[in-house]
C-alpha atoms as a PDB file:
ATOM      1  CA  MET A   1      21.171 -13.732 -13.627  1.00  0.00           C
ATOM      2  CA  GLN A   2      19.983 -12.649 -10.184  1.00  0.00           C
ATOM      3  CA  LYS A   3      18.693  -9.360 -11.603  1.00  0.00           C
ATOM      4  CA  ALA A   4      16.689 -11.209 -14.246  1.00  0.00           C
ATOM      5  CA  LEU A   5      15.117 -13.505 -11.653  1.00  0.00           C
ATOM      6  CA  LEU A   6      14.321 -10.545  -9.429  1.00  0.00           C
ATOM      7  CA  MET A   7      12.613  -8.732 -12.323  1.00  0.00           C
ATOM      8  CA  VAL A   8      10.535 -11.819 -13.157  1.00  0.00           C
ATOM      9  CA  ALA A   9       9.494 -12.138  -9.503  1.00  0.00           C
ATOM     10  CA  LEU A  10       8.523  -8.464  -9.278  1.00  0.00           C
ATOM     11  CA  LEU A  11       6.549  -8.562 -12.521  1.00  0.00           C
ATOM     12  CA  GLY A  12       4.790 -11.717 -11.345  1.00  0.00           C
ATOM     13  CA  THR A  13       3.631 -10.090  -8.128  1.00  0.00           C
ATOM     14  CA  THR A  14       2.508  -6.949  -9.969  1.00  0.00           C
ATOM     15  CA  TYR A  15       0.457  -9.028 -12.401  1.00  0.00           C
ATOM     16  CA  ALA A  16      -1.124 -10.999  -9.550  1.00  0.00           C
ATOM     17  CA  GLN A  17      -2.570  -7.808  -8.076  1.00  0.00           C
ATOM     18  CA  GLU A  18      -4.690  -7.010 -11.142  1.00  0.00           C
ATOM     19  CA  LEU A  19      -7.854  -8.673 -12.312  1.00  0.00           C
ATOM     20  CA  THR A  20      -7.614 -11.065 -15.207  1.00  0.00           C
ATOM     21  CA  PRO A  21      -9.120  -9.795 -18.487  1.00  0.00           C
ATOM     22  CA  THR A  22     -12.060 -12.184 -18.071  1.00  0.00           C
ATOM     23  CA  GLN A  23     -12.789 -10.937 -14.545  1.00  0.00           C
ATOM     24  CA  ALA A  24     -12.430  -7.314 -15.620  1.00  0.00           C
ATOM     25  CA  SER A  25     -14.837  -7.731 -18.541  1.00  0.00           C
ATOM     26  CA  LYS A  26     -17.444  -9.333 -16.260  1.00  0.00           C
ATOM     27  CA  LEU A  27     -17.200  -6.447 -13.797  1.00  0.00           C
ATOM     28  CA  LYS A  28     -17.605  -3.794 -16.514  1.00  0.00           C
ATOM     29  CA  ASN A  29     -21.060  -5.042 -17.498  1.00  0.00           C
ATOM     30  CA  TYR A  30     -22.841  -2.729 -15.090  1.00  0.00           C
ATOM     31  CA  SER A  31     -26.549  -2.011 -15.033  1.00  0.00           C
ATOM     32  CA  HIS A  32     -28.057   0.966 -13.225  1.00  0.00           C
ATOM     33  CA  SER A  33     -31.226  -0.919 -12.352  1.00  0.00           C
ATOM     34  CA  LEU A  34     -31.583  -2.037  -8.741  1.00  0.00           C
ATOM     35  CA  SER A  35     -31.278  -5.734  -9.607  1.00  0.00           C
ATOM     36  CA  GLY A  36     -28.219  -4.965 -11.771  1.00  0.00           C
ATOM     37  CA  LYS A  37     -26.510  -3.165  -8.887  1.00  0.00           C
ATOM     38  CA  ILE A  38     -27.200  -6.075  -6.548  1.00  0.00           C
ATOM     39  CA  ARG A  39     -25.803  -8.577  -9.083  1.00  0.00           C
ATOM     40  CA  HIS A  40     -22.718  -6.375  -9.559  1.00  0.00           C
ATOM     41  CA  LYS A  41     -22.052  -6.200  -5.788  1.00  0.00           C
ATOM     42  CA  ARG A  42     -22.406  -9.976  -5.489  1.00  0.00           C
ATOM     43  CA  LEU A  43     -19.973 -10.479  -8.363  1.00  0.00           C
ATOM     44  CA  LEU A  44     -17.464  -8.134  -6.714  1.00  0.00           C
ATOM     45  CA  ARG A  45     -17.711 -10.054  -3.436  1.00  0.00           C
ATOM     46  CA  ARG A  46     -17.225 -13.409  -5.201  1.00  0.00           C
ATOM     47  CA  THR A  47     -14.183 -12.083  -7.089  1.00  0.00           C
ATOM     48  CA  ALA A  48     -12.447 -10.754  -3.946  1.00  0.00           C
ATOM     49  CA  VAL A  49      -9.987 -13.114  -2.264  1.00  0.00           C
ATOM     50  CA  ILE A  50      -9.755 -11.064   0.940  1.00  0.00           C
ATOM     51  CA  THR A  51     -13.032 -11.028   2.871  1.00  0.00           C
ATOM     52  CA  LYS A  52     -14.616  -7.904   4.285  1.00  0.00           C
ATOM     53  CA  LYS A  53     -13.893  -9.138   7.813  1.00  0.00           C
ATOM     54  CA  GLN A  54     -10.187  -9.628   7.017  1.00  0.00           C
ATOM     55  CA  ALA A  55     -10.023  -6.155   5.466  1.00  0.00           C
ATOM     56  CA  HIS A  56     -11.638  -4.668   8.593  1.00  0.00           C
ATOM     57  CA  GLU A  57      -9.001  -6.330  10.785  1.00  0.00           C
ATOM     58  CA  MET A  58      -6.174  -5.071   8.564  1.00  0.00           C
ATOM     59  CA  ALA A  59      -7.555  -1.510   8.610  1.00  0.00           C
ATOM     60  CA  LYS A  60      -8.028  -1.669  12.379  1.00  0.00           C
ATOM     61  CA  ASP A  61      -4.355  -2.654  12.783  1.00  0.00           C
ATOM     62  CA  GLU A  62      -3.182  -0.017  10.300  1.00  0.00           C
ATOM     63  CA  CYS A  63      -5.126   2.960  11.699  1.00  0.00           C
ATOM     64  CA  ASP A  64      -5.422   1.892  15.365  1.00  0.00           C
ATOM     65  CA  SER A  65      -9.131   2.710  15.414  1.00  0.00           C
ATOM     66  CA  GLU A  66     -12.472   1.048  14.652  1.00  0.00           C
ATOM     67  CA  VAL A  67     -13.826   0.847  11.108  1.00  0.00           C
ATOM     68  CA  TYR A  68     -17.232   2.465  10.760  1.00  0.00           C
ATOM     69  CA  SER A  69     -17.775   2.100   7.000  1.00  0.00           C
ATOM     70  CA  SER A  70     -16.366   0.142   4.075  1.00  0.00           C
ATOM     71  CA  LYS A  71     -16.836  -0.125   0.348  1.00  0.00           C
ATOM     72  CA  LEU A  72     -15.665  -2.646  -2.267  1.00  0.00           C
ATOM     73  CA  SER A  73     -14.731  -0.966  -5.575  1.00  0.00           C
ATOM     74  CA  VAL A  74     -12.995  -1.684  -8.851  1.00  0.00           C
ATOM     75  CA  ARG A  75     -10.910   0.876 -10.763  1.00  0.00           C
ATOM     76  CA  SER A  76      -8.209   0.369 -13.405  1.00  0.00           C
ATOM     77  CA  ASN A  77      -8.434  -3.431 -13.079  1.00  0.00           C
ATOM     78  CA  ARG A  78      -7.768  -3.210  -9.327  1.00  0.00           C
ATOM     79  CA  LEU A  79     -10.332  -4.561  -6.870  1.00  0.00           C
ATOM     80  CA  PHE A  80      -9.997  -2.928  -3.463  1.00  0.00           C
ATOM     81  CA  TYR A  81     -11.719  -2.085  -0.206  1.00  0.00           C
ATOM     82  CA  THR A  82     -11.923   1.498   1.000  1.00  0.00           C
ATOM     83  CA  LEU A  83     -12.375   1.445   4.772  1.00  0.00           C
ATOM     84  CA  TYR A  84     -13.231   4.540   6.792  1.00  0.00           C
ATOM     85  CA  THR A  85     -12.099   4.978  10.406  1.00  0.00           C
ATOM     86  CA  ASP A  86     -11.979   7.862  12.883  1.00  0.00           C
ATOM     87  CA  GLU A  87      -8.314   8.394  11.961  1.00  0.00           C
ATOM     88  CA  GLY A  88      -8.971   8.541   8.189  1.00  0.00           C
ATOM     89  CA  HIS A  89      -9.362   6.007   5.406  1.00  0.00           C
ATOM     90  CA  VAL A  90      -7.250   3.154   4.104  1.00  0.00           C
ATOM     91  CA  LYS A  91      -7.367   1.242   0.818  1.00  0.00           C
ATOM     92  CA  ILE A  92      -6.658  -2.493   0.801  1.00  0.00           C
ATOM     93  CA  ASP A  93      -6.287  -4.648  -2.315  1.00  0.00           C
ATOM     94  CA  ALA A  94      -9.046  -7.277  -2.274  1.00  0.00           C
ATOM     95  CA  LEU A  95      -7.010  -9.781  -4.292  1.00  0.00           C
ATOM     96  CA  ASP A  96      -3.831 -10.028  -2.222  1.00  0.00           C
ATOM     97  CA  GLY A  97      -4.359  -7.945   0.939  1.00  0.00           C
ATOM     98  CA  GLU A  98      -1.726  -5.322   0.107  1.00  0.00           C
ATOM     99  CA  ILE A  99      -2.278  -1.910   1.686  1.00  0.00           C
ATOM    100  CA  MET A 100      -2.586   0.376  -1.340  1.00  0.00           C
ATOM    101  CA  GLN A 101      -3.032   3.617   0.608  1.00  0.00           C
ATOM    102  CA  LYS A 102      -2.021   4.123   4.227  1.00  0.00           C
ATOM    103  CA  CYS A 103      -4.322   5.639   6.804  1.00  0.00           C
ATOM    104  CA  THR A 104      -4.913   9.239   5.667  1.00  0.00           C
ATOM    105  CA  GLN A 105      -7.443  11.928   6.447  1.00  0.00           C
END
C-alpha cells in the first residue's frame, strides 16, 4: 500500500512540472513577426509561476556568482529559465522552481 501511494505521489509531482495541453498548444502558436515574438514572450511570462527575479536568486545561490543573462524557453512541454553566470549556466523550471540542470560550464 505504501509503495502504491509513493508511486501516485511521484507521478503527481512529475505531472505538475509539465505544461497542461491547453498551455502547450497556446505556446506553440508562434509567429516570426516582431509583434508575434513580443506576444509569445508575454504569454511565456504569464504562464511561468516562478518570476525572473526568483530564478535569478536561485541561480545566484546555486552557482555562487552573479547572473548576467537569462532566457525563458519552452521545450518538450517544459517551461524553464536558462540563466548564465560567470561559473556557467543553470536551468530552472519556471513552473515549480526545480533546478533542472546544475551549474555547468
